[in-house]
Each structure stands twice: as structure tokens, then as C-alpha cells.
């Protein structure tokens, strides 16, 4: 069996993957990290950003050509909207902390304590320029040799991060932990996703490492630097599971889902960047006040209610944008 994506026309399954992923991004910021582990989130929710980067890589390589991105398009579509949302986040937070701290405002209060996924834009832009740069090199090697090369480079990256004690603030906004996804995205663009005994076995090994990294205290030393608690599933060995078995599972669910559900999720995928930007603003500014007015229904019930309310609010931009586009 082989899962292939459409290369020359619109593929609704790609928007479905993006829709599922952006919902999981929202859920990531609804619940504390230690509680997410209790619901096996590393196996189904931490897949969001790797999936987005796999799709980005696939789109870059799907026609066996990779052009440098237009800065004008990047500015208009990606950077300017991000800066606008960042400005409003900064302005609202300034007013809030200016009041709460008697005029003493510290930028770190704004930047460090929010955690709404603001790092992703930096990784996306690095991928946007890196993918075309290395494409000529990729074309000179077979997929088997590329796999070996990417594994070696990924191990070297792990070693250098471990030895240099890379600060978390730098680690979170750099592409290094996602480097192996370039190979997997290129592989998918060339041959699709083979689902057979070998790839399932590789996926199971990958799942085992996800478990070890998230649920054990084993010290992997320089092989896998697990000193960053928010990125325990962001190692090259974790990604084959996402690129093979996890996408196969989503494809199975996609084929079995009712059409209205698929259309709704595809809508979220089509406008995933708008949702991403708004969820940054929501979790930086609004969510704290939503929690204040929530009734005391118990810890688990409150978290479920928080997820539902946060999801409904964060997907609003996609619905608004959809009706705006329909009118034009």
C-alpha cells in the first residue's frame, strides 16, 4: 500500500491534515504540559508542527523543482500579519502589565510567559529558504543514501546542541530539531508513503522512542538531547512514526468520515495560518479572562470546557475569512 498526494491539483487531504494539526495546536495551549502527557498527547497532539513542516517540504519538492520564495509574498502573506498580531499582543500586554506592576514593564514578562507557539513563524521562514538551497544536493543522491546522510547530520546536531548547552530561547526558534523532516518530506514528494511491514516496523520503533523520551528518565547523553521539556518528541527518530503510521491513520479516518466533518476540518486547514495567529493573541491576552469567569466544575470538567471554548473562539477567524472570500 502506498499513500500518495496529488501534485498537480488541489488535494483536500492536505487541508484535512492541516485542519487536524491546527486544532491540536490550540489544544496544546489549553492544558499544562504535564497533564497532556497523561492523555498520550505526544503520540497524537505533538504531531502538529512536524506535520505542517512535512507539508511545507512536500509543496516545495512535489514538482521536482524548488524556487526561492518571493520575499514580497512572504511579507504580505506571512510576516506582515504576524507583526500586526505581535504589535497588538504587545500593546495589550503592555497596558495590562503596566497596570499590574505600577509602571514597571519587563519585556520578558510578555515574551517568556506566553508560549502561544510564536516560535513556529521563525522555523517556517528558515525552512522556506533552506529547502530550495539544498534541493540540488538532494537530487544528486538516492533516497537510501539521503536517509543515511540525514541521520548522520541529525546525530551531529544532537551532539552539538548537547555540547554547547544551547539556550532554550535559541533552540525553540531554530530549525535544527526538525532537520530530518526535510528528508521525509522529500521522500513523500518523490514516492509517496509506503505502508508495508518494514515501514510499520520503523514506525513502531519511532513510537517506542517517543515513549522513552516522554515517559522515562533515561539519560541519552549526546545521542538525544532531552534537556528541553517542551521538545521531548522533537528528535529525528520520532518523525518516521508521524510521516508513515500517523498519516496512514489520519487517511483511514478521513476515508471513513462523513463529508460535513471533512469539509469543516478542511476549512480549518485552508485558513490554518489565520487560526494560528489568532490563537497566539487569544492565549496571550484573552484566555486568562475566560478562565476567570468559568464556573467551578472540577479540574477535569473545567479543562474540557476550556478546550471547547478555546477551540470555538480560535477557529472563528477561519469562518469569518471563509464568508469574506465567498462574497468576493
Protein backbone atom coordinates (compact mmCIF):
# COMPACT_ATOMS: atom_id res chain seq x y z
CA UNK A 1 0.00 0.00 0.00
CA UNK A 2 1.23 3.48 -0.82
CA UNK A 3 -0.33 6.81 0.16
CA UNK A 4 0.22 9.46 -2.48
CA UNK A 5 -0.63 13.14 -2.50
CA UNK A 6 -1.85 14.99 -5.56
CA UNK A 7 0.97 17.04 -7.08
CA UNK A 8 -0.70 18.92 -9.93
CA UNK A 9 -4.07 19.77 -8.43
CA UNK A 10 -5.75 20.61 -5.15
CA UNK A 11 -5.54 17.78 -2.62
CA UNK A 12 -8.27 18.10 0.05
CA UNK A 13 -6.49 15.57 2.28
CA UNK A 14 -3.61 18.03 2.75
CA UNK A 15 -6.02 20.66 4.06
CA UNK A 16 -7.52 17.94 6.26
CA UNK A 17 -4.08 17.24 7.76
CA UNK A 18 -3.54 20.97 8.33
CA UNK A 19 -7.00 21.30 9.89
CA UNK A 20 -6.38 18.47 12.35
CA UNK A 21 -2.95 19.91 13.16
CA UNK A 22 -4.12 23.46 13.86
CA UNK A 23 -6.83 22.13 16.20
CA UNK A 24 -4.14 20.23 18.09
CA UNK A 25 -2.04 23.42 18.25
CA UNK A 26 -4.95 25.10 20.03
CA UNK A 27 -5.36 22.16 22.41
CA UNK A 28 -1.63 22.21 23.16
CA UNK A 29 -2.05 25.63 24.73
CA UNK A 30 -5.23 24.77 26.66
CA UNK A 31 -3.74 22.25 29.08
CA UNK A 32 -0.49 22.24 31.12
CA UNK A 33 2.26 20.15 29.59
CA UNK A 34 2.43 17.57 32.38
CA UNK A 35 -1.30 16.90 32.07
CA UNK A 36 -1.05 16.47 28.30
CA UNK A 37 1.25 13.51 28.86
CA UNK A 38 -1.49 11.79 30.85
CA UNK A 39 -3.66 11.60 27.73
CA UNK A 40 -0.80 10.33 25.50
CA UNK A 41 -0.62 13.69 23.74
CA UNK A 42 2.94 13.07 22.46
CA UNK A 43 1.54 10.35 20.17
CA UNK A 44 -1.26 12.36 18.58
CA UNK A 45 -1.03 16.06 19.51
CA UNK A 46 2.69 16.80 19.35
CA UNK A 47 2.48 15.77 15.71
CA UNK A 48 1.05 19.17 14.66
CA UNK A 49 4.18 21.20 13.87
CA UNK A 50 6.06 18.27 12.26
CA UNK A 51 3.03 17.70 10.02
CA UNK A 52 2.96 21.35 8.97
CA UNK A 53 6.67 21.20 8.11
CA UNK A 54 6.25 17.92 6.22
CA UNK A 55 3.51 19.56 4.14
CA UNK A 56 5.67 22.63 3.57
CA UNK A 57 8.52 20.41 2.36
CA UNK A 58 6.19 18.37 0.15
CA UNK A 59 4.84 21.50 -1.54
CA UNK A 60 8.36 22.76 -2.17
CA UNK A 61 9.58 19.50 -3.75
CA UNK A 62 6.44 18.00 -5.30
CA UNK A 63 7.26 19.09 -8.86
CA UNK A 64 10.97 18.29 -8.55
CA UNK A 65 11.76 21.99 -8.69
CA UNK A 66 12.37 24.26 -5.75
CA UNK A 67 12.45 28.01 -6.25
CA UNK A 68 13.46 30.56 -3.67
CA UNK A 69 10.36 32.11 -2.13
CA UNK A 70 9.24 35.57 -3.16
CA UNK A 71 10.01 37.95 -0.32
CA UNK A 72 7.07 40.10 -1.40
CA UNK A 73 4.67 37.17 -0.99
CA UNK A 74 6.26 36.12 2.29
CA UNK A 75 5.97 39.66 3.59
CA UNK A 76 2.34 40.06 2.56
CA UNK A 77 1.10 36.57 3.45
CA UNK A 78 3.26 35.58 6.44
CA UNK A 79 5.45 38.26 8.01
CA UNK A 80 3.20 41.37 7.97
CA UNK A 81 0.15 39.62 9.52
CA UNK A 82 2.44 38.12 12.15
CA UNK A 83 3.90 41.53 13.01
CA UNK A 84 0.43 43.06 13.21
CA UNK A 85 -0.74 40.43 15.68
CA UNK A 86 2.51 40.75 17.60
CA UNK A 87 2.01 44.50 17.85
CA UNK A 88 -1.50 44.11 19.27
CA UNK A 89 -0.30 41.43 21.69
CA UNK A 90 2.50 43.71 22.85
CA UNK A 91 0.15 46.70 23.16
CA UNK A 92 -2.47 44.82 25.19
CA UNK A 93 0.13 43.16 27.40
CA UNK A 94 1.87 46.48 27.96
CA UNK A 95 -1.35 48.01 29.21
CA UNK A 96 -2.06 45.01 31.43
CA UNK A 97 1.41 44.73 32.97
CA UNK A 98 1.84 48.49 33.20
CA UNK A 99 -1.20 48.49 35.45
CA UNK A 100 -0.28 45.34 37.37
CA UNK A 101 3.32 46.33 38.08
CA UNK A 102 2.88 50.02 38.95
CA UNK A 103 4.53 51.20 35.77
CA UNK A 104 7.36 48.62 35.74
CA UNK A 105 7.18 46.77 32.44
CA UNK A 106 9.57 43.96 31.61
CA UNK A 107 9.59 42.63 28.05
CA UNK A 108 10.38 39.15 29.36
CA UNK A 109 7.01 39.11 31.12
CA UNK A 110 5.44 39.44 27.71
CA UNK A 111 7.66 37.13 25.68
CA UNK A 112 8.68 34.32 28.01
CA UNK A 113 5.41 33.64 29.81
CA UNK A 114 3.01 33.39 26.89
CA UNK A 115 4.02 30.28 24.98
CA UNK A 116 1.40 30.53 22.21
CA UNK A 117 3.54 28.86 19.52
CA UNK A 118 5.16 32.09 18.40
CA UNK A 119 8.36 30.18 17.55
CA UNK A 120 6.77 28.47 14.53
CA UNK A 121 7.00 31.50 12.24
CA UNK A 122 10.80 31.52 12.62
CA UNK A 123 11.08 27.82 11.79
CA UNK A 124 8.72 28.22 8.83
CA UNK A 125 10.80 31.04 7.35
CA UNK A 126 14.04 29.11 7.84
CA UNK A 127 12.51 26.13 6.02
CA UNK A 128 11.23 28.42 3.25
CA UNK A 129 14.78 29.48 2.36
CA UNK A 130 16.63 26.29 3.32
CA UNK A 131 14.54 23.88 1.23
CA UNK A 132 15.39 25.45 -2.18
CA UNK A 133 19.03 25.86 -1.19
CA UNK A 134 19.63 22.16 -0.51
CA UNK A 135 17.40 20.81 -3.30
CA UNK A 136 20.28 20.50 -5.83
CA UNK A 137 22.17 18.42 -3.28
CA UNK A 138 19.18 16.15 -2.65
CA UNK A 139 18.83 15.38 -6.34
CA UNK A 140 22.38 14.00 -6.51
CA UNK A 141 21.74 11.15 -4.07
CA UNK A 142 19.38 8.20 -3.91
CA UNK A 143 16.73 8.12 -1.19
CA UNK A 144 18.66 5.41 0.69
CA UNK A 145 21.86 7.44 0.75
CA UNK A 146 19.95 10.57 1.71
CA UNK A 147 18.43 8.73 4.66
CA UNK A 148 21.90 7.82 5.93
CA UNK A 149 23.21 11.35 5.36
CA UNK A 150 20.28 12.95 7.18
CA UNK A 151 20.56 10.55 10.10
CA UNK A 152 24.28 11.35 10.49
CA UNK A 153 23.67 15.11 10.26
CA UNK A 154 20.79 14.84 12.75
CA UNK A 155 23.02 12.97 15.20
CA UNK A 156 25.69 15.65 14.80
CA UNK A 157 23.08 18.32 15.50
CA UNK A 158 22.01 16.50 18.67
CA UNK A 159 25.65 16.24 19.74
CA UNK A 160 26.40 19.92 19.12
CA UNK A 161 23.27 21.05 20.96
CA UNK A 162 24.20 18.83 23.89
CA UNK A 163 27.82 20.01 24.00
CA UNK A 164 27.08 23.73 23.55
CA UNK A 165 24.19 23.78 26.05
CA UNK A 166 22.11 25.67 23.52
CA UNK A 167 19.80 28.12 25.37
CA UNK A 168 16.12 27.25 25.20
CA UNK A 169 15.31 30.68 23.74
CA UNK A 170 17.58 29.88 20.77
CA UNK A 171 16.64 26.20 20.47
CA UNK A 172 12.91 26.92 20.21
CA UNK A 173 13.19 29.30 17.21
CA UNK A 174 15.71 27.33 15.12
CA UNK A 175 15.02 24.57 12.61
CA UNK A 176 17.67 22.14 13.88
CA UNK A 177 15.35 19.77 15.77
CA UNK A 178 13.19 19.45 12.64
CA UNK A 179 16.00 18.88 10.14
CA UNK A 180 15.18 15.21 9.47
CA UNK A 181 11.68 16.22 8.34
CA UNK A 182 13.28 17.63 5.18
CA UNK A 183 14.30 14.12 4.14
CA UNK A 184 10.91 12.66 5.00
CA UNK A 185 9.08 15.42 3.12
CA UNK A 186 11.34 14.93 0.11
CA UNK A 187 10.74 11.17 0.29
CA UNK A 188 6.95 11.71 0.31
CA UNK A 189 7.19 14.13 -2.62
CA UNK A 190 9.16 11.58 -4.64
CA UNK A 191 7.47 8.27 -3.87
CA UNK A 192 4.54 8.85 -1.53
CA UNK A 193 4.25 6.99 1.77
CA UNK A 194 4.82 3.21 1.57
CA UNK A 195 2.88 1.33 4.22
CA UNK A 196 4.36 -2.15 4.48
CA UNK A 197 5.94 -4.46 7.02
CA UNK A 198 9.25 -2.57 7.02
CA UNK A 199 7.79 0.95 7.36
CA UNK A 200 5.35 -0.18 10.05
CA UNK A 201 8.26 -1.73 11.96
CA UNK A 202 10.21 1.55 11.65
CA UNK A 203 7.15 3.46 12.86
CA UNK A 204 6.82 1.20 15.91
CA UNK A 205 10.48 1.79 16.80
CA UNK A 206 9.83 5.51 16.39
CA UNK A 207 6.83 5.26 18.74
CA UNK A 208 8.97 3.43 21.29
CA UNK A 209 11.43 6.32 21.34
CA UNK A 210 8.58 8.82 21.75
CA UNK A 211 7.57 6.83 24.81
CA UNK A 212 11.12 6.69 26.19
CA UNK A 213 11.65 10.43 25.73
CA UNK A 214 8.33 11.43 27.35
CA UNK A 215 7.68 8.81 29.99
CA UNK A 216 11.08 7.68 31.27
CA UNK A 217 14.04 9.46 32.86
CA UNK A 218 16.74 7.62 30.95
CA UNK A 219 19.71 9.85 30.14
CA UNK A 220 20.54 9.55 26.43
CA UNK A 221 23.59 11.79 26.70
CA UNK A 222 24.71 13.32 23.43
CA UNK A 223 22.67 10.89 21.28
CA UNK A 224 19.41 12.66 22.05
CA UNK A 225 19.41 15.91 23.94
CA UNK A 226 16.25 15.77 26.06
CA UNK A 227 17.07 18.74 28.30
CA UNK A 228 14.22 20.75 26.76
CA UNK A 229 10.94 19.57 28.36
CA UNK A 230 8.69 21.09 25.69
CA UNK A 231 10.52 19.40 22.82
CA UNK A 232 10.90 15.80 24.00
CA UNK A 233 9.23 14.45 20.87
CA UNK A 234 11.26 16.65 18.54
CA UNK A 235 14.04 14.26 17.60
CA UNK A 236 14.74 12.70 14.22
CA UNK A 237 13.90 9.20 15.43
CA UNK A 238 10.37 10.35 16.38
CA UNK A 239 9.41 11.59 12.94
CA UNK A 240 9.09 8.34 10.92
CA UNK A 241 6.02 7.45 13.01
CA UNK A 242 4.41 10.79 12.09
CA UNK A 243 5.34 10.56 8.41
CA UNK A 244 4.14 6.98 7.98
CA UNK A 245 1.81 5.36 10.52
CA UNK A 246 0.21 8.54 11.84
CA UNK A 247 -0.61 9.91 8.37
CA UNK A 248 -1.92 6.47 7.38
CA UNK A 249 -4.22 6.54 10.44
CA UNK A 250 -5.49 10.00 9.54
CA UNK A 251 -6.02 8.85 5.96
CA UNK A 252 -8.10 5.94 7.25
CA UNK A 253 -10.19 8.27 9.43
CA UNK A 254 -10.51 10.70 6.53
CA UNK A 255 -11.87 8.00 4.23
CA UNK A 256 -14.38 6.85 6.88
CA UNK A 257 -15.54 10.34 7.96
CA UNK A 258 -18.81 11.95 6.96
CA UNK A 259 -18.45 14.61 4.31
CA UNK A 260 -19.60 17.57 6.52
CA UNK A 261 -16.93 16.71 9.08
CA UNK A 262 -14.23 16.51 6.40
CA UNK A 263 -15.35 19.79 4.85
CA UNK A 264 -15.24 21.53 8.24
CA UNK A 265 -11.76 20.27 9.07
CA UNK A 266 -10.56 21.15 5.56
CA UNK A 267 -11.87 24.68 6.12
CA UNK A 268 -9.75 24.96 9.26
CA UNK A 269 -6.78 23.68 7.26
CA UNK A 270 -7.31 26.17 4.46
CA UNK A 271 -7.24 29.04 6.94
CA UNK A 272 -4.83 27.44 9.41
CA UNK A 273 -2.46 30.42 9.39
CA UNK A 274 -5.27 32.78 10.38
CA UNK A 275 -6.19 30.41 13.22
CA UNK A 276 -2.53 30.15 14.24
CA UNK A 277 -2.18 33.94 14.50
CA UNK A 278 -5.43 34.42 16.38
CA UNK A 279 -4.70 31.62 18.85
CA UNK A 280 -1.44 33.40 19.68
CA UNK A 281 -3.43 36.51 20.56
CA UNK A 282 -6.11 34.51 22.37
CA UNK A 283 -3.74 32.60 24.64
CA UNK A 284 -1.53 35.64 25.26
CA UNK A 285 -4.35 38.03 26.14
CA UNK A 286 -7.88 36.64 26.26
CA UNK A 287 -7.66 33.14 27.73
CA UNK A 288 -6.71 34.34 31.22
CA UNK A 289 -10.00 36.23 31.47
CA UNK A 290 -12.02 33.33 30.05
CA UNK A 291 -10.66 31.13 32.84
CA UNK A 292 -11.66 33.71 35.46
CA UNK A 293 -15.34 33.54 34.51
CA UNK A 294 -15.51 29.76 34.15
CA UNK A 295 -17.63 28.04 36.80
CA UNK A 296 -16.01 25.74 39.34
CA UNK A 297 -16.97 22.38 37.84
CA UNK A 298 -13.93 20.43 38.90
CA UNK A 299 -10.48 20.20 37.34
CA UNK A 300 -11.24 17.76 34.52
CA UNK A 301 -14.59 19.30 33.60
CA UNK A 302 -13.10 22.80 33.60
CA UNK A 303 -10.33 21.68 31.28
CA UNK A 304 -12.82 20.11 28.88
CA UNK A 305 -14.91 23.29 28.91
CA UNK A 306 -11.73 25.33 28.39
CA UNK A 307 -10.79 23.22 25.36
CA UNK A 308 -14.26 23.59 23.82
CA UNK A 309 -14.46 27.35 24.41
CA UNK A 310 -10.88 27.99 23.28
CA UNK A 311 -11.35 25.91 20.13
CA UNK A 312 -14.60 27.67 19.22
CA UNK A 313 -13.04 31.11 19.71
CA UNK A 314 -9.80 30.30 17.87
CA UNK A 315 -11.49 28.85 14.78
CA UNK A 316 -13.68 31.95 14.40
CA UNK A 317 -11.22 33.69 12.01
CA UNK A 318 -11.46 30.75 9.59
CA UNK A 319 -15.24 31.04 9.46
CA UNK A 320 -15.11 34.82 9.05
CA UNK A 321 -12.46 34.56 6.34
CA UNK A 322 -14.48 31.88 4.55
CA UNK A 323 -17.56 34.10 4.27
CA UNK A 324 -15.44 37.08 3.24
CA UNK A 325 -13.87 35.02 0.45
CA UNK A 326 -17.29 33.78 -0.66
CA UNK A 327 -18.57 37.33 -1.02
CA UNK A 328 -15.62 38.26 -3.19
